[in-house]
Amino acid sequence: SYQDASRFPFTSRPIYEHPDQVRPNRPIVERRAMRGRDGARDAKLQVRTSQSRVFMAAGESVVFSIAVADADDQPLAVEVDRAVARGLPGERELVSPHVVLAMTRAKSGEVSGVLSPAATMFAGFAGTIRTEIAYRVAGRAGVGWFDVVYSPEVPATWSGQIREAVLDGSLVFSMTAKVVVPGRYLVSARVDDARGKPVALLTFNDLLGAGEQEVRLSMHGRLLHDLAPAFPLRLRDIDGFLLREDTDPD
């Protein structure tokens, strides 16, 4: 196990080691039996829920949706009674904000709504926002919950073009970030080969000062050799966040 772990650097790993990181920005979709407010479940009605993201920064939006099908997998019409988003109180919030969400229904019966915290009472809120949707299907009452973690600031932004070079046998991607809040930043990116096959997960974990800073992601030479990806390679889904060691959320 030590040989396997040390064959490649921690910052340049085969992506098959991290299956949950292959498509980090796909909507989170779950399917389960319909649940009432009393906690009772109705296995005859299957609920499919979806949310477009979990972690949010200022200016971003999240889409929630609920669809219900019967035992024969036929879609049923969903009627929303109430959809409210509330901030879960933290150490800094004495009173939690809340907003009512407008939900729309598609021809298939599915309902969906959009939460844009920066345009609501959540503009200055930092923490978890829980959305509760109470609905009815075929005369039966159900409820669904969605959680997102919101930060009202954007501590850094990408700027300029991504540059690439071969350094000491490794393929290095260099990016420029305009850092507003200095601190420790964690960045991750995925590499696909020419066939679209996910190959590697590249990470960066280091301190960045204020102003224009360089972030380097390296695909180790041994990883390139062992996995033998088809060129050209494609860098995608680059995510980064400021690590706050004593504050929630990051």
Protein backbone atom coordinates (compact mmCIF):
# COMPACT_ATOMS: atom_id res chain seq x y z
CA SER A 1 0.00 0.00 0.00
CA TYR A 2 2.92 2.35 0.66
CA GLN A 3 4.32 1.67 -2.81
CA ASP A 4 0.93 2.36 -4.40
CA ALA A 5 0.47 5.58 -2.43
CA SER A 6 3.96 6.88 -3.11
CA ARG A 7 4.23 5.99 -6.80
CA PHE A 8 2.78 9.39 -7.74
CA PRO A 9 2.82 12.69 -5.82
CA PHE A 10 -0.21 13.52 -3.68
CA THR A 11 -1.00 16.43 -6.00
CA SER A 12 -1.08 14.28 -9.17
CA ARG A 13 -3.18 11.14 -8.87
CA PRO A 14 -5.04 8.73 -11.17
CA ILE A 15 -8.66 9.82 -11.11
CA TYR A 16 -9.88 6.23 -10.60
CA GLU A 17 -8.71 6.68 -6.99
CA HIS A 18 -11.30 9.46 -6.58
CA PRO A 19 -14.49 8.37 -8.38
CA ASP A 20 -16.53 11.04 -6.56
CA GLN A 21 -14.36 13.75 -8.14
CA VAL A 22 -14.76 12.76 -11.80
CA ARG A 23 -17.78 15.00 -12.53
CA PRO A 24 -18.01 17.39 -9.58
CA ASN A 25 -20.35 19.87 -11.25
CA ARG A 26 -23.09 17.51 -12.33
CA PRO A 27 -26.46 17.98 -10.59
CA ILE A 28 -26.96 15.87 -7.47
CA VAL A 29 -29.82 13.50 -8.28
CA GLU A 30 -31.47 11.20 -5.72
CA ARG A 31 -34.39 8.82 -5.91
CA ARG A 32 -36.32 7.54 -2.91
CA ALA A 33 -39.78 6.73 -1.58
CA MET A 34 -42.04 9.72 -0.97
CA ARG A 35 -41.75 11.05 2.58
CA GLY A 36 -44.44 12.90 4.53
CA ARG A 37 -43.97 15.57 7.17
CA ASP A 38 -44.44 12.95 9.89
CA GLY A 39 -41.55 10.95 8.47
CA ALA A 40 -43.71 8.15 7.09
CA ARG A 41 -42.70 6.81 3.68
CA ASP A 42 -44.92 5.72 0.79
CA ALA A 43 -43.05 3.15 -1.30
CA LYS A 44 -45.76 3.31 -4.00
CA LEU A 45 -44.62 6.82 -4.93
CA GLN A 46 -41.01 7.37 -6.02
CA VAL A 47 -39.57 10.88 -5.71
CA ARG A 48 -36.69 12.10 -7.84
CA THR A 49 -34.96 15.21 -6.49
CA SER A 50 -32.19 17.23 -8.11
CA GLN A 51 -30.07 20.24 -7.20
CA SER A 52 -27.51 21.84 -9.48
CA ARG A 53 -24.87 22.56 -6.82
CA VAL A 54 -24.06 22.32 -3.11
CA PHE A 55 -21.40 24.99 -2.56
CA MET A 56 -22.13 28.56 -3.67
CA ALA A 57 -20.37 31.91 -3.75
CA ALA A 58 -21.74 35.39 -4.35
CA GLY A 59 -23.51 35.74 -7.70
CA GLU A 60 -24.22 32.03 -8.15
CA SER A 61 -27.63 30.35 -8.30
CA VAL A 62 -28.91 26.86 -7.57
CA VAL A 63 -31.80 25.02 -9.22
CA PHE A 64 -33.98 22.58 -7.25
CA SER A 65 -36.45 20.15 -8.79
CA ILE A 66 -38.88 17.47 -7.63
CA ALA A 67 -40.55 14.81 -9.81
CA VAL A 68 -42.79 11.97 -8.64
CA ALA A 69 -43.68 8.69 -10.38
CA ASP A 70 -46.08 5.89 -9.46
CA ALA A 71 -45.26 2.19 -9.07
CA ASP A 72 -45.31 1.79 -12.87
CA ASP A 73 -42.81 4.66 -13.24
CA GLN A 74 -45.45 6.93 -14.76
CA PRO A 75 -44.95 10.65 -13.95
CA LEU A 76 -47.48 12.34 -11.70
CA ALA A 77 -48.40 16.01 -11.35
CA VAL A 78 -46.78 17.74 -8.37
CA GLU A 79 -48.57 20.64 -6.64
CA VAL A 80 -46.45 22.85 -4.39
CA ASP A 81 -48.05 24.16 -1.21
CA ARG A 82 -45.02 25.99 0.13
CA ALA A 83 -41.34 26.48 -0.74
CA VAL A 84 -39.23 28.38 1.80
CA ALA A 85 -35.47 28.80 2.09
CA ARG A 86 -34.09 29.47 5.59
CA GLY A 87 -30.61 30.11 6.85
CA LEU A 88 -29.48 27.72 9.55
CA PRO A 89 -28.24 29.98 12.36
CA GLY A 90 -24.55 30.04 13.16
CA GLU A 91 -22.42 31.86 15.68
CA ARG A 92 -22.69 35.17 13.82
CA GLU A 93 -26.42 35.08 13.07
CA LEU A 94 -28.96 35.71 15.82
CA VAL A 95 -31.91 35.84 13.42
CA SER A 96 -31.98 33.55 10.41
CA PRO A 97 -33.19 35.07 7.12
CA HIS A 98 -35.80 33.29 5.04
CA VAL A 99 -37.31 33.78 1.59
CA VAL A 100 -40.22 32.21 -0.29
CA LEU A 101 -39.29 30.50 -3.56
CA ALA A 102 -41.42 30.61 -6.69
CA MET A 103 -41.83 27.12 -8.16
CA THR A 104 -42.85 26.35 -11.73
CA ARG A 105 -44.34 23.12 -13.09
CA ALA A 106 -43.36 21.50 -16.37
CA LYS A 107 -45.69 19.52 -18.63
CA SER A 108 -44.21 16.32 -17.23
CA GLY A 109 -45.48 17.32 -13.76
CA GLU A 110 -42.02 18.10 -12.37
CA VAL A 111 -41.65 21.30 -10.34
CA SER A 112 -38.49 23.41 -10.11
CA GLY A 113 -37.28 26.63 -8.54
CA VAL A 114 -34.18 28.83 -8.49
CA LEU A 115 -32.47 30.28 -5.43
CA SER A 116 -30.13 33.24 -5.99
CA PRO A 117 -28.93 34.24 -2.50
CA ALA A 118 -27.19 37.47 -3.55
CA ALA A 119 -30.51 38.88 -4.81
CA THR A 120 -32.38 38.12 -1.56
CA MET A 121 -32.10 38.55 2.20
CA PHE A 122 -29.22 36.02 2.06
CA ALA A 123 -26.89 38.53 0.38
CA GLY A 124 -24.80 38.91 3.55
CA PHE A 125 -25.46 35.47 5.02
CA ALA A 126 -22.65 32.92 5.40
CA GLY A 127 -23.48 29.30 6.13
CA THR A 128 -26.01 26.61 5.28
CA ILE A 129 -29.28 27.52 3.58
CA ARG A 130 -32.00 24.87 3.83
CA THR A 131 -34.91 24.89 1.39
CA GLU A 132 -38.07 23.04 2.42
CA ILE A 133 -40.65 22.24 -0.24
CA ALA A 134 -44.08 20.98 0.87
CA TYR A 135 -46.05 19.43 -1.98
CA ARG A 136 -48.99 17.20 -2.84
CA VAL A 137 -49.26 14.30 -5.28
CA ALA A 138 -52.54 12.51 -5.94
CA GLY A 139 -53.96 13.91 -2.71
CA ARG A 140 -50.98 12.81 -0.60
CA ALA A 141 -48.71 15.30 1.16
CA GLY A 142 -44.94 15.11 0.88
CA VAL A 143 -41.94 17.21 1.83
CA GLY A 144 -38.41 17.57 0.50
CA TRP A 145 -35.31 19.33 1.81
CA PHE A 146 -32.31 20.77 -0.02
CA ASP A 147 -29.16 22.17 1.61
CA VAL A 148 -26.55 24.49 0.09
CA VAL A 149 -23.51 26.10 1.70
CA TYR A 150 -23.26 29.78 0.80
CA SER A 151 -20.42 32.29 1.06
CA PRO A 152 -21.30 35.96 0.37
CA GLU A 153 -17.83 36.80 -0.91
CA VAL A 154 -15.58 35.75 -3.77
CA PRO A 155 -12.06 35.70 -2.24
CA ALA A 156 -10.28 35.21 -5.58
CA THR A 157 -11.00 35.08 -9.31
CA TRP A 158 -9.20 33.51 -12.25
CA SER A 159 -7.56 35.93 -14.68
CA GLY A 160 -5.64 35.48 -17.92
CA GLN A 161 -5.03 32.36 -19.96
CA ILE A 162 -3.92 28.91 -18.82
CA ARG A 163 -0.33 28.22 -19.83
CA GLU A 164 1.25 24.78 -20.18
CA ALA A 165 4.84 23.58 -20.24
CA VAL A 166 6.89 20.43 -19.68
CA LEU A 167 9.07 20.90 -16.60
CA ASP A 168 11.34 18.12 -15.29
CA GLY A 169 9.32 15.56 -17.23
CA SER A 170 5.93 16.67 -15.87
CA LEU A 171 3.17 18.55 -17.67
CA VAL A 172 2.54 21.77 -15.73
CA PHE A 173 -0.53 23.97 -16.10
CA SER A 174 -0.03 27.53 -14.83
CA MET A 175 -2.98 29.81 -14.03
CA THR A 176 -3.19 33.32 -12.66
CA ALA A 177 -5.54 34.20 -9.82
CA LYS A 178 -6.43 37.67 -8.62
CA VAL A 179 -6.50 37.16 -4.86
CA VAL A 180 -8.58 39.55 -2.76
CA VAL A 181 -8.37 37.63 0.52
CA PRO A 182 -4.93 36.10 1.20
CA GLY A 183 -4.72 32.67 2.79
CA ARG A 184 -4.54 28.96 2.03
CA TYR A 185 -6.27 27.97 -1.20
CA LEU A 186 -7.23 24.47 -2.32
CA VAL A 187 -7.61 23.98 -6.06
CA SER A 188 -8.49 20.84 -8.01
CA ALA A 189 -8.81 20.07 -11.73
CA ARG A 190 -9.53 17.05 -13.90
CA VAL A 191 -7.63 15.88 -16.98
CA ASP A 192 -9.30 13.99 -19.83
CA ASP A 193 -7.48 12.39 -22.76
CA ALA A 194 -8.31 12.85 -26.45
CA ARG A 195 -11.00 10.14 -26.26
CA GLY A 196 -12.77 11.95 -23.42
CA LYS A 197 -11.65 9.40 -20.84
CA PRO A 198 -11.01 10.91 -17.38
CA VAL A 199 -7.36 10.34 -16.53
CA ALA A 200 -6.06 12.37 -13.60
CA LEU A 201 -6.98 14.56 -10.65
CA LEU A 202 -4.57 17.46 -10.08
CA THR A 203 -4.55 19.45 -6.85
CA PHE A 204 -2.94 22.56 -5.38
CA ASN A 205 -2.75 23.32 -1.64
CA ASP A 206 -0.70 26.35 -0.65
CA LEU A 207 -0.71 29.88 0.69
CA LEU A 208 -1.46 32.75 -1.69
CA GLY A 209 -0.86 36.40 -0.95
CA ALA A 210 -3.01 39.32 -2.10
CA GLY A 211 -2.83 40.45 -5.74
CA GLU A 212 -1.93 38.52 -8.89
CA GLN A 213 -0.71 35.04 -7.92
CA GLU A 214 0.31 31.97 -9.91
CA VAL A 215 -1.32 28.59 -9.29
CA ARG A 216 0.46 25.56 -10.73
CA LEU A 217 -1.15 22.17 -11.33
CA SER A 218 1.26 19.41 -12.33
CA MET A 219 0.58 16.09 -14.04
CA HIS A 220 3.54 14.00 -12.97
CA GLY A 221 5.71 12.41 -15.62
CA ARG A 222 5.37 8.91 -14.20
CA LEU A 223 1.58 9.31 -14.25
CA LEU A 224 1.77 10.31 -17.92
CA HIS A 225 3.96 7.29 -18.62
CA ASP A 226 1.94 4.69 -16.72
CA LEU A 227 -1.54 5.76 -17.84
CA ALA A 228 -0.47 6.41 -21.45
CA PRO A 229 -3.34 8.82 -22.24
CA ALA A 230 -4.20 9.71 -25.83
CA PHE A 231 -3.08 13.25 -26.66
CA PRO A 232 -4.05 16.05 -26.71
CA LEU A 233 -5.15 16.29 -23.09
CA ARG A 234 -7.96 18.52 -21.81
CA LEU A 235 -8.07 20.33 -18.47
CA ARG A 236 -11.61 20.84 -17.10
CA ASP A 237 -13.73 21.54 -14.01
CA ILE A 238 -11.20 23.69 -12.16
CA ASP A 239 -12.53 24.36 -8.65
CA GLY A 240 -10.89 26.39 -5.91
CA PHE A 241 -11.74 27.70 -2.46
CA LEU A 242 -10.19 29.58 0.42
CA LEU A 243 -9.66 27.32 3.45
CA ARG A 244 -10.85 28.91 6.68
CA GLU A 245 -9.47 26.74 9.46
CA ASP A 246 -11.59 28.25 12.25
CA THR A 247 -14.67 29.52 10.43
CA ASP A 248 -17.65 27.97 8.67
CA PRO A 249 -18.13 27.96 5.74
CA ASP A 250 -14.98 27.87 3.59
